Amino acid sequence: MGTSAQVRPVLHDLKAGK
């Protein structure tokens, strides 16, 4: 159940255009 924490930063990175 700790995947949500890793998925959140990933979505932010995609939005930032990293």
PDB file of N, CA and C in Angstrom:
ATOM      1  N   MET A   1       0.855  -1.212   0.000  1.00  0.00           N
ATOM      2  CA  MET A   1       0.000   0.000   0.000  1.00  0.00           C
ATOM      3  C   MET A   1       0.881   1.250   0.000  1.00  0.00           C
ATOM      4  N   GLY A   2       2.145   1.070  -0.323  1.00  0.00           N
ATOM      5  CA  GLY A   2       3.050   2.235  -0.339  1.00  0.00           C
ATOM      6  C   GLY A   2       3.327   2.682  -1.769  1.00  0.00           C
ATOM      7  N   THR A   3       2.526   2.127  -2.697  1.00  0.00           N
ATOM      8  CA  THR A   3       2.753   2.493  -4.109  1.00  0.00           C
ATOM      9  C   THR A   3       2.189   3.887  -4.381  1.00  0.00           C
ATOM     10  N   SER A   4       1.117   4.221  -3.681  1.00  0.00           N
ATOM     11  CA  SER A   4       0.481   5.541  -3.884  1.00  0.00           C
ATOM     12  C   SER A   4       1.511   6.653  -3.673  1.00  0.00           C
ATOM     13  N   ALA A   5       2.344   6.483  -2.679  1.00  0.00           N
ATOM     14  CA  ALA A   5       3.350   7.522  -2.369  1.00  0.00           C
ATOM     15  C   ALA A   5       4.330   7.660  -3.527  1.00  0.00           C
ATOM     16  N   GLN A   6       4.594   6.547  -4.221  1.00  0.00           N
ATOM     17  CA  GLN A   6       5.562   6.614  -5.333  1.00  0.00           C
ATOM     18  C   GLN A   6       4.864   7.065  -6.609  1.00  0.00           C
ATOM     19  N   VAL A   7       3.590   6.803  -6.693  1.00  0.00           N
ATOM     20  CA  VAL A   7       2.837   7.189  -7.902  1.00  0.00           C
ATOM     21  C   VAL A   7       2.590   8.693  -7.905  1.00  0.00           C
ATOM     22  N   ARG A   8       2.436   9.260  -6.740  1.00  0.00           N
ATOM     23  CA  ARG A   8       2.155  10.716  -6.642  1.00  0.00           C
ATOM     24  C   ARG A   8       3.311  11.535  -7.234  1.00  0.00           C
ATOM     25  N   PRO A   9       4.527  11.317  -6.808  1.00  0.00           N
ATOM     26  CA  PRO A   9       5.689  12.057  -7.332  1.00  0.00           C
ATOM     27  C   PRO A   9       5.859  11.831  -8.824  1.00  0.00           C
ATOM     28  N   VAL A  10       5.521  10.647  -9.280  1.00  0.00           N
ATOM     29  CA  VAL A  10       5.670  10.324 -10.715  1.00  0.00           C
ATOM     30  C   VAL A  10       4.724  11.187 -11.534  1.00  0.00           C
ATOM     31  N   LEU A  11       3.503  11.336 -11.059  1.00  0.00           N
ATOM     32  CA  LEU A  11       2.516  12.150 -11.793  1.00  0.00           C
ATOM     33  C   LEU A  11       2.978  13.603 -11.823  1.00  0.00           C
ATOM     34  N   HIS A  12       3.557  14.042 -10.739  1.00  0.00           N
ATOM     35  CA  HIS A  12       4.042  15.435 -10.673  1.00  0.00           C
ATOM     36  C   HIS A  12       5.177  15.643 -11.666  1.00  0.00           C
ATOM     37  N   ASP A  13       6.032  14.641 -11.781  1.00  0.00           N
ATOM     38  CA  ASP A  13       7.179  14.733 -12.710  1.00  0.00           C
ATOM     39  C   ASP A  13       6.666  14.822 -14.141  1.00  0.00           C
ATOM     40  N   LEU A  14       5.650  14.029 -14.451  1.00  0.00           N
ATOM     41  CA  LEU A  14       5.098  14.027 -15.819  1.00  0.00           C
ATOM     42  C   LEU A  14       4.504  15.399 -16.124  1.00  0.00           C
ATOM     43  N   LYS A  15       3.851  15.974 -15.141  1.00  0.00           N
ATOM     44  CA  LYS A  15       3.234  17.308 -15.349  1.00  0.00           C
ATOM     45  C   LYS A  15       4.310  18.372 -15.517  1.00  0.00           C
ATOM     46  N   ALA A  16       5.429  18.183 -14.829  1.00  0.00           N
ATOM     47  CA  ALA A  16       6.527  19.167 -14.903  1.00  0.00           C
ATOM     48  C   ALA A  16       7.237  19.041 -16.254  1.00  0.00           C
ATOM     49  N   GLY A  17       7.006  17.933 -16.945  1.00  0.00           N
ATOM     50  CA  GLY A  17       7.651  17.775 -18.259  1.00  0.00           C
ATOM     51  C   GLY A  17       9.063  17.246 -18.094  1.00  0.00           C
ATOM     52  N   LYS A  18       9.286  16.526 -16.999  1.00  0.00           N
ATOM     53  CA  LYS A  18      10.632  15.983 -16.760  1.00  0.00           C
ATOM     54  C   LYS A  18      10.855  14.875 -17.776  1.00  0.00           C
TER      55      LYS A  18
END
